[in-house]
PDB file of N, CA and C in Angstrom:
ATOM      1  N   MET A   1     -45.133 143.805 128.837  1.00  0.00           N
ATOM      2  CA  MET A   1     -45.565 143.487 127.562  1.00  0.00           C
ATOM      3  C   MET A   1     -46.457 142.569 128.211  1.00  0.00           C
ATOM      4  N   LEU A   2     -46.900 142.405 129.994  1.00  0.00           N
ATOM      5  CA  LEU A   2     -48.138 141.851 130.473  1.00  0.00           C
ATOM      6  C   LEU A   2     -49.397 142.342 131.079  1.00  0.00           C
ATOM      7  N   GLU A   3     -49.227 144.039 130.898  1.00  0.00           N
ATOM      8  CA  GLU A   3     -49.684 144.923 131.256  1.00  0.00           C
ATOM      9  C   GLU A   3     -50.785 144.862 129.913  1.00  0.00           C
ATOM     10  N   TYR A   4     -49.798 145.435 128.542  1.00  0.00           N
ATOM     11  CA  TYR A   4     -50.582 144.907 127.947  1.00  0.00           C
ATOM     12  C   TYR A   4     -51.119 144.057 127.175  1.00  0.00           C
ATOM     13  N   GLN A   5     -51.476 142.656 127.174  1.00  0.00           N
ATOM     14  CA  GLN A   5     -51.755 141.357 127.057  1.00  0.00           C
ATOM     15  C   GLN A   5     -53.050 141.128 128.637  1.00  0.00           C
ATOM     16  N   GLU A   6     -52.540 142.119 129.574  1.00  0.00           N
ATOM     17  CA  GLU A   6     -53.980 141.873 130.669  1.00  0.00           C
ATOM     18  C   GLU A   6     -55.294 142.864 129.985  1.00  0.00           C
ATOM     19  N   ARG A   7     -55.257 144.343 129.727  1.00  0.00           N
ATOM     20  CA  ARG A   7     -55.815 145.029 129.227  1.00  0.00           C
ATOM     21  C   ARG A   7     -56.356 143.803 127.799  1.00  0.00           C
ATOM     22  N   TYR A   8     -55.091 144.208 126.778  1.00  0.00           N
ATOM     23  CA  TYR A   8     -56.491 143.655 125.709  1.00  0.00           C
ATOM     24  C   TYR A   8     -57.643 142.312 126.052  1.00  0.00           C
ATOM     25  N   GLU A   9     -57.086 141.083 126.952  1.00  0.00           N
ATOM     26  CA  GLU A   9     -58.351 140.453 127.382  1.00  0.00           C
ATOM     27  C   GLU A   9     -59.728 141.208 127.830  1.00  0.00           C
ATOM     28  N   ALA A  10     -59.176 142.024 128.881  1.00  0.00           N
ATOM     29  CA  ALA A  10     -60.824 142.821 128.975  1.00  0.00           C
ATOM     30  C   ALA A  10     -60.992 143.543 128.306  1.00  0.00           C
ATOM     31  N   LEU A  11     -60.747 144.454 127.256  1.00  0.00           N
ATOM     32  CA  LEU A  11     -61.231 144.558 126.427  1.00  0.00           C
ATOM     33  C   LEU A  11     -62.467 144.062 125.612  1.00  0.00           C
ATOM     34  N   VAL A  12     -61.344 142.507 125.085  1.00  0.00           N
ATOM     35  CA  VAL A  12     -62.202 141.220 124.195  1.00  0.00           C
ATOM     36  C   VAL A  12     -63.719 141.161 125.062  1.00  0.00           C
ATOM     37  N   GLY A  13     -63.019 141.035 126.277  1.00  0.00           N
ATOM     38  CA  GLY A  13     -64.214 140.501 127.229  1.00  0.00           C
ATOM     39  C   GLY A  13     -65.494 141.041 127.128  1.00  0.00           C
ATOM     40  N   ARG A  14     -64.758 142.680 127.508  1.00  0.00           N
ATOM     41  CA  ARG A  14     -66.155 143.952 127.108  1.00  0.00           C
ATOM     42  C   ARG A  14     -66.621 143.932 125.980  1.00  0.00           C
ATOM     43  N   PHE A  15     -66.420 143.358 124.980  1.00  0.00           N
ATOM     44  CA  PHE A  15     -66.436 143.634 123.604  1.00  0.00           C
ATOM     45  C   PHE A  15     -67.325 142.165 123.651  1.00  0.00           C
ATOM     46  N   ASN A  16     -67.394 141.241 123.948  1.00  0.00           N
ATOM     47  CA  ASN A  16     -68.293 140.144 123.685  1.00  0.00           C
ATOM     48  C   ASN A  16     -69.212 139.875 124.444  1.00  0.00           C
ATOM     49  N   LYS A  17     -69.437 140.966 126.118  1.00  0.00           N
ATOM     50  CA  LYS A  17     -70.439 141.361 126.117  1.00  0.00           C
ATOM     51  C   LYS A  17     -71.499 141.933 125.637  1.00  0.00           C
ATOM     52  N   ALA A  18     -70.915 143.112 125.297  1.00  0.00           N
ATOM     53  CA  ALA A  18     -71.335 144.490 124.068  1.00  0.00           C
ATOM     54  C   ALA A  18     -72.204 143.204 123.082  1.00  0.00           C
ATOM     55  N   LYS A  19     -71.353 142.778 122.477  1.00  0.00           N
ATOM     56  CA  LYS A  19     -71.592 141.902 121.214  1.00  0.00           C
ATOM     57  C   LYS A  19     -72.826 140.930 121.691  1.00  0.00           C
ATOM     58  N   ALA A  20     -73.021 140.436 122.943  1.00  0.00           N
ATOM     59  CA  ALA A  20     -74.174 139.477 123.030  1.00  0.00           C
ATOM     60  C   ALA A  20     -75.287 140.421 123.376  1.00  0.00           C
ATOM     61  N   ARG A  21     -74.856 141.355 124.618  1.00  0.00           N
ATOM     62  CA  ARG A  21     -76.335 141.996 124.843  1.00  0.00           C
ATOM     63  C   ARG A  21     -76.166 142.905 123.869  1.00  0.00           C
ATOM     64  N   PHE A  22     -75.959 143.176 122.302  1.00  0.00           N
ATOM     65  CA  PHE A  22     -76.380 143.734 121.721  1.00  0.00           C
ATOM     66  C   PHE A  22     -77.203 142.799 120.042  1.00  0.00           C
ATOM     67  N   GLU A  23     -76.428 140.802 120.125  1.00  0.00           N
ATOM     68  CA  GLU A  23     -76.938 140.275 119.640  1.00  0.00           C
ATOM     69  C   GLU A  23     -78.831 139.793 120.299  1.00  0.00           C
ATOM     70  N   GLU A  24     -78.886 139.539 121.942  1.00  0.00           N
ATOM     71  CA  GLU A  24     -80.037 140.032 122.120  1.00  0.00           C
ATOM     72  C   GLU A  24     -80.946 141.225 121.646  1.00  0.00           C
ATOM     73  N   ALA A  25     -80.607 142.114 122.279  1.00  0.00           N
ATOM     74  CA  ALA A  25     -81.455 143.163 121.955  1.00  0.00           C
ATOM     75  C   ALA A  25     -82.005 142.742 119.889  1.00  0.00           C
ATOM     76  N   THR A  26     -81.316 142.730 119.166  1.00  0.00           N
ATOM     77  CA  THR A  26     -81.419 142.871 117.641  1.00  0.00           C
ATOM     78  C   THR A  26     -82.536 141.734 117.417  1.00  0.00           C
ATOM     79  N   ALA A  27     -82.575 140.731 118.155  1.00  0.00           N
ATOM     80  CA  ALA A  27     -83.345 139.158 118.577  1.00  0.00           C
ATOM     81  C   ALA A  27     -84.735 139.778 118.769  1.00  0.00           C
ATOM     82  N   LEU A  28     -84.421 140.620 119.610  1.00  0.00           N
ATOM     83  CA  LEU A  28     -85.862 141.016 120.372  1.00  0.00           C
ATOM     84  C   LEU A  28     -86.867 142.235 119.549  1.00  0.00           C
ATOM     85  N   VAL A  29     -86.166 142.504 118.751  1.00  0.00           N
ATOM     86  CA  VAL A  29     -86.365 143.750 117.814  1.00  0.00           C
ATOM     87  C   VAL A  29     -87.056 143.185 117.479  1.00  0.00           C
ATOM     88  N   SER A  30     -86.450 142.161 115.810  1.00  0.00           N
ATOM     89  CA  SER A  30     -86.606 141.365 115.686  1.00  0.00           C
ATOM     90  C   SER A  30     -88.080 140.462 115.632  1.00  0.00           C
ATOM     91  N   GLU A  31     -88.271 139.916 116.603  1.00  0.00           N
ATOM     92  CA  GLU A  31     -89.395 138.948 117.011  1.00  0.00           C
ATOM     93  C   GLU A  31     -90.695 140.221 117.126  1.00  0.00           C
ATOM     94  N   THR A  32     -90.478 141.398 117.924  1.00  0.00           N
ATOM     95  CA  THR A  32     -91.550 142.679 117.939  1.00  0.00           C
ATOM     96  C   THR A  32     -92.309 143.031 116.513  1.00  0.00           C
ATOM     97  N   LYS A  33     -91.537 143.472 115.800  1.00  0.00           N
ATOM     98  CA  LYS A  33     -91.253 143.593 115.010  1.00  0.00           C
ATOM     99  C   LYS A  33     -91.943 142.532 114.208  1.00  0.00           C
ATOM    100  N   ALA A  34     -91.868 141.136 114.466  1.00  0.00           N
ATOM    101  CA  ALA A  34     -93.217 140.097 113.497  1.00  0.00           C
ATOM    102  C   ALA A  34     -94.202 139.906 114.383  1.00  0.00           C
ATOM    103  N   ARG A  35     -94.054 139.925 115.786  1.00  0.00           N
ATOM    104  CA  ARG A  35     -95.418 139.690 116.140  1.00  0.00           C
ATOM    105  C   ARG A  35     -96.279 140.870 115.759  1.00  0.00           C
ATOM    106  N   GLY A  36     -95.629 142.375 115.903  1.00  0.00           N
ATOM    107  CA  GLY A  36     -96.745 143.499 114.840  1.00  0.00           C
ATOM    108  C   GLY A  36     -97.448 143.092 113.799  1.00  0.00           C
ATOM    109  N   GLU A  37     -96.690 142.971 113.034  1.00  0.00           N
ATOM    110  CA  GLU A  37     -97.068 141.808 111.673  1.00  0.00           C
ATOM    111  C   GLU A  37     -97.643 141.699 111.950  1.00  0.00           C
ATOM    112  N   THR A  38     -97.974 140.075 112.384  1.00  0.00           N
ATOM    113  CA  THR A  38     -98.956 139.428 112.593  1.00  0.00           C
ATOM    114  C   THR A  38    -100.153 139.816 113.461  1.00  0.00           C
ATOM    115  N   VAL A  39    -100.742 140.736 114.508  1.00  0.00           N
ATOM    116  CA  VAL A  39    -101.348 141.711 114.680  1.00  0.00           C
ATOM    117  C   VAL A  39    -101.685 142.466 113.232  1.00  0.00           C
ATOM    118  N   ASP A  40    -101.183 142.890 112.621  1.00  0.00           N
ATOM    119  CA  ASP A  40    -101.386 144.281 111.710  1.00  0.00           C
ATOM    120  C   ASP A  40    -101.790 143.066 110.931  1.00  0.00           C
ATOM    121  N   SER A  41    -101.593 142.269 110.086  1.00  0.00           N
ATOM    122  CA  SER A  41    -102.672 141.001 109.454  1.00  0.00           C
ATOM    123  C   SER A  41    -103.997 140.590 110.340  1.00  0.00           C
ATOM    124  N   PHE A  42    -103.798 140.242 111.587  1.00  0.00           N
ATOM    125  CA  PHE A  42    -104.928 139.580 111.572  1.00  0.00           C
ATOM    126  C   PHE A  42    -106.423 140.946 112.179  1.00  0.00           C
ATOM    127  N   ILE A  43    -105.665 142.134 112.593  1.00  0.00           N
ATOM    128  CA  ILE A  43    -106.483 143.447 112.378  1.00  0.00           C
ATOM    129  C   ILE A  43    -107.419 143.241 110.976  1.00  0.00           C
ATOM    130  N   VAL A  44    -106.742 143.635 109.788  1.00  0.00           N
ATOM    131  CA  VAL A  44    -106.797 143.294 108.538  1.00  0.00           C
ATOM    132  C   VAL A  44    -107.848 142.178 108.120  1.00  0.00           C
ATOM    133  N   GLU A  45    -107.230 141.369 108.971  1.00  0.00           N
ATOM    134  CA  GLU A  45    -108.665 140.352 108.110  1.00  0.00           C
ATOM    135  C   GLU A  45    -110.145 140.372 109.330  1.00  0.00           C
ATOM    136  N   LEU A  46    -109.723 140.631 110.661  1.00  0.00           N
ATOM    137  CA  LEU A  46    -111.079 141.165 110.583  1.00  0.00           C
ATOM    138  C   LEU A  46    -111.632 141.560 110.133  1.00  0.00           C
ATOM    139  N   ALA A  47    -111.033 143.063 110.645  1.00  0.00           N
ATOM    140  CA  ALA A  47    -112.055 144.171 109.367  1.00  0.00           C
ATOM    141  C   ALA A  47    -112.756 143.690 108.128  1.00  0.00           C
ATOM    142  N   ARG A  48    -112.118 142.708 107.545  1.00  0.00           N
ATOM    143  CA  ARG A  48    -112.769 142.392 106.463  1.00  0.00           C
ATOM    144  C   ARG A  48    -113.890 142.173 107.167  1.00  0.00           C
ATOM    145  N   HIS A  49    -114.378 141.530 108.363  1.00  0.00           N
ATOM    146  CA  HIS A  49    -115.589 141.454 108.322  1.00  0.00           C
ATOM    147  C   HIS A  49    -116.758 142.069 108.736  1.00  0.00           C
ATOM    148  N   ASP A  50    -117.747 141.905 108.984  1.00  0.00           N
ATOM    149  CA  ASP A  50    -118.699 143.540 109.488  1.00  0.00           C
ATOM    150  C   ASP A  50    -119.424 142.050 110.868  1.00  0.00           C
ATOM    151  N   GLY A  51    -118.802 143.125 111.836  1.00  0.00           N
ATOM    152  CA  GLY A  51    -120.011 142.367 112.923  1.00  0.00           C
ATOM    153  C   GLY A  51    -119.499 141.352 113.784  1.00  0.00           C
ATOM    154  N   LEU A  52    -120.103 140.035 114.280  1.00  0.00           N
ATOM    155  CA  LEU A  52    -119.768 139.452 115.041  1.00  0.00           C
ATOM    156  C   LEU A  52    -119.894 137.546 113.360  1.00  0.00           C
ATOM    157  N   LEU A  53    -118.830 136.645 113.367  1.00  0.00           N
ATOM    158  CA  LEU A  53    -118.640 135.827 112.231  1.00  0.00           C
ATOM    159  C   LEU A  53    -119.801 134.714 112.097  1.00  0.00           C
ATOM    160  N   ALA A  54    -120.798 134.920 111.772  1.00  0.00           N
ATOM    161  CA  ALA A  54    -121.605 133.677 111.504  1.00  0.00           C
ATOM    162  C   ALA A  54    -121.190 132.405 111.453  1.00  0.00           C
ATOM    163  N   GLU A  55    -119.859 132.428 110.837  1.00  0.00           N
ATOM    164  CA  GLU A  55    -119.070 130.501 110.353  1.00  0.00           C
ATOM    165  C   GLU A  55    -117.845 130.789 110.129  1.00  0.00           C
ATOM    166  N   PHE A  56    -117.570 129.335 110.392  1.00  0.00           N
ATOM    167  CA  PHE A  56    -115.514 129.481 110.519  1.00  0.00           C
ATOM    168  C   PHE A  56    -115.720 129.815 109.187  1.00  0.00           C
ATOM    169  N   ASP A  57    -114.462 131.094 109.031  1.00  0.00           N
ATOM    170  CA  ASP A  57    -113.421 131.945 108.230  1.00  0.00           C
ATOM    171  C   ASP A  57    -112.641 130.865 108.547  1.00  0.00           C
ATOM    172  N   GLU A  58    -111.495 129.980 106.660  1.00  0.00           N
ATOM    173  CA  GLU A  58    -110.807 129.600 107.208  1.00  0.00           C
ATOM    174  C   GLU A  58    -109.445 130.222 107.027  1.00  0.00           C
ATOM    175  N   ARG A  59    -109.624 131.831 107.091  1.00  0.00           N
ATOM    176  CA  ARG A  59    -108.756 132.936 106.473  1.00  0.00           C
ATOM    177  C   ARG A  59    -108.547 133.130 107.617  1.00  0.00           C
ATOM    178  N   LEU A  60    -109.412 133.114 108.064  1.00  0.00           N
ATOM    179  CA  LEU A  60    -109.123 133.564 109.552  1.00  0.00           C
ATOM    180  C   LEU A  60    -108.926 133.156 110.404  1.00  0.00           C
ATOM    181  N   TRP A  61    -108.551 131.646 110.367  1.00  0.00           N
ATOM    182  CA  TRP A  61    -108.212 130.351 111.433  1.00  0.00           C
ATOM    183  C   TRP A  61    -106.783 130.510 111.271  1.00  0.00           C
ATOM    184  N   HIS A  62    -106.174 130.720 109.559  1.00  0.00           N
ATOM    185  CA  HIS A  62    -105.252 129.983 109.616  1.00  0.00           C
ATOM    186  C   HIS A  62    -104.054 131.396 109.803  1.00  0.00           C
ATOM    187  N   THR A  63    -105.305 132.746 109.764  1.00  0.00           N
ATOM    188  CA  THR A  63    -104.177 134.404 110.256  1.00  0.00           C
ATOM    189  C   THR A  63    -104.180 134.666 112.151  1.00  0.00           C
ATOM    190  N   PHE A  64    -104.882 133.580 112.716  1.00  0.00           N
ATOM    191  CA  PHE A  64    -104.689 133.889 113.735  1.00  0.00           C
ATOM    192  C   PHE A  64    -104.240 132.456 114.626  1.00  0.00           C
ATOM    193  N   VAL A  65    -104.427 131.450 114.346  1.00  0.00           N
ATOM    194  CA  VAL A  65    -103.386 130.412 114.725  1.00  0.00           C
ATOM    195  C   VAL A  65    -102.383 129.248 114.141  1.00  0.00           C
ATOM    196  N   GLY A  66    -101.106 129.812 114.922  1.00  0.00           N
ATOM    197  CA  GLY A  66    -100.176 129.161 114.647  1.00  0.00           C
ATOM    198  C   GLY A  66    -100.317 127.709 114.019  1.00  0.00           C
ATOM    199  N   TYR A  67    -100.419 126.740 115.052  1.00  0.00           N
ATOM    200  CA  TYR A  67    -100.609 124.962 114.970  1.00  0.00           C
ATOM    201  C   TYR A  67    -101.146 124.434 116.190  1.00  0.00           C
ATOM    202  N   ALA A  68    -101.898 123.383 115.883  1.00  0.00           N
ATOM    203  CA  ALA A  68    -102.812 123.020 116.750  1.00  0.00           C
ATOM    204  C   ALA A  68    -101.801 121.546 117.366  1.00  0.00           C
ATOM    205  N   THR A  69    -101.527 121.005 118.427  1.00  0.00           N
ATOM    206  CA  THR A  69    -101.200 120.172 119.053  1.00  0.00           C
ATOM    207  C   THR A  69    -102.579 119.082 119.648  1.00  0.00           C
ATOM    208  N   VAL A  70    -102.572 118.001 119.252  1.00  0.00           N
ATOM    209  CA  VAL A  70    -103.916 116.983 119.735  1.00  0.00           C
ATOM    210  C   VAL A  70    -103.571 116.443 120.773  1.00  0.00           C
ATOM    211  N   TYR A  71    -103.776 115.948 121.777  1.00  0.00           N
ATOM    212  CA  TYR A  71    -103.100 115.467 122.657  1.00  0.00           C
ATOM    213  C   TYR A  71    -103.923 113.945 122.609  1.00  0.00           C
ATOM    214  N   SER A  72    -104.836 114.002 122.497  1.00  0.00           N
ATOM    215  CA  SER A  72    -106.352 112.655 122.321  1.00  0.00           C
ATOM    216  C   SER A  72    -107.257 113.136 121.550  1.00  0.00           C
ATOM    217  N   GLU A  73    -108.067 111.744 121.547  1.00  0.00           N
ATOM    218  CA  GLU A  73    -109.378 112.152 121.211  1.00  0.00           C
ATOM    219  C   GLU A  73    -109.600 113.551 122.306  1.00  0.00           C
ATOM    220  N   ASN A  74    -110.100 114.068 123.407  1.00  0.00           N
ATOM    221  CA  ASN A  74    -110.716 114.921 123.875  1.00  0.00           C
ATOM    222  C   ASN A  74    -109.362 115.850 124.447  1.00  0.00           C
ATOM    223  N   GLY A  75    -109.019 115.380 124.337  1.00  0.00           N
ATOM    224  CA  GLY A  75    -107.811 116.701 124.370  1.00  0.00           C
ATOM    225  C   GLY A  75    -106.926 117.535 123.167  1.00  0.00           C
ATOM    226  N   ALA A  76    -106.975 119.138 123.176  1.00  0.00           N
ATOM    227  CA  ALA A  76    -105.610 119.052 122.273  1.00  0.00           C
ATOM    228  C   ALA A  76    -105.712 120.393 122.747  1.00  0.00           C
ATOM    229  N   ARG A  77    -104.387 121.208 121.852  1.00  0.00           N
ATOM    230  CA  ARG A  77    -104.177 122.384 122.147  1.00  0.00           C
ATOM    231  C   ARG A  77    -103.877 123.365 121.040  1.00  0.00           C
ATOM    232  N   PHE A  78    -104.841 124.961 120.657  1.00  0.00           N
ATOM    233  CA  PHE A  78    -104.024 125.279 119.885  1.00  0.00           C
ATOM    234  C   PHE A  78    -103.362 126.800 120.767  1.00  0.00           C
ATOM    235  N   THR A  79    -102.173 126.942 119.406  1.00  0.00           N
ATOM    236  CA  THR A  79    -101.681 127.945 120.055  1.00  0.00           C
ATOM    237  C   THR A  79    -101.482 129.429 118.400  1.00  0.00           C
ATOM    238  N   PHE A  80    -101.363 130.253 119.168  1.00  0.00           N
ATOM    239  CA  PHE A  80    -101.547 131.584 118.336  1.00  0.00           C
ATOM    240  C   PHE A  80    -100.967 131.956 118.149  1.00  0.00           C
ATOM    241  N   LYS A  81    -100.289 132.442 116.860  1.00  0.00           N
ATOM    242  CA  LYS A  81     -99.348 133.276 115.733  1.00  0.00           C
ATOM    243  C   LYS A  81     -98.822 134.357 116.909  1.00  0.00           C
ATOM    244  N   ASN A  82     -99.132 134.665 118.083  1.00  0.00           N
ATOM    245  CA  ASN A  82     -98.919 135.875 119.263  1.00  0.00           C
ATOM    246  C   ASN A  82     -97.661 134.988 120.083  1.00  0.00           C
ATOM    247  N   GLY A  83     -97.744 133.458 119.820  1.00  0.00           N
ATOM    248  CA  GLY A  83     -97.228 132.462 120.828  1.00  0.00           C
ATOM    249  C   GLY A  83     -98.100 131.964 121.718  1.00  0.00           C
ATOM    250  N   THR A  84     -99.457 133.072 122.525  1.00  0.00           N
ATOM    251  CA  THR A  84    -100.168 132.167 123.587  1.00  0.00           C
ATOM    252  C   THR A  84    -101.036 130.748 123.017  1.00  0.00           C
TER     253      THR A  84
END
């Protein structure tokens, strides 16, 4: 009976490791797909414009920028939707 229990626990351990790896891979695939969709949407927005932008485009801004963090009157950080 002890041999059975040891084998069972070893298999459960292997299963849990494999399950964790699977969940990590699934999360990575989802994140990659989301980034791809963001890039695709940005490309579509850019394609709507001919050449260089001459003025601020709010739609393009919202397509590209995720959020801004203002630190002070002279300091701010913009985080793009791709994470940079």
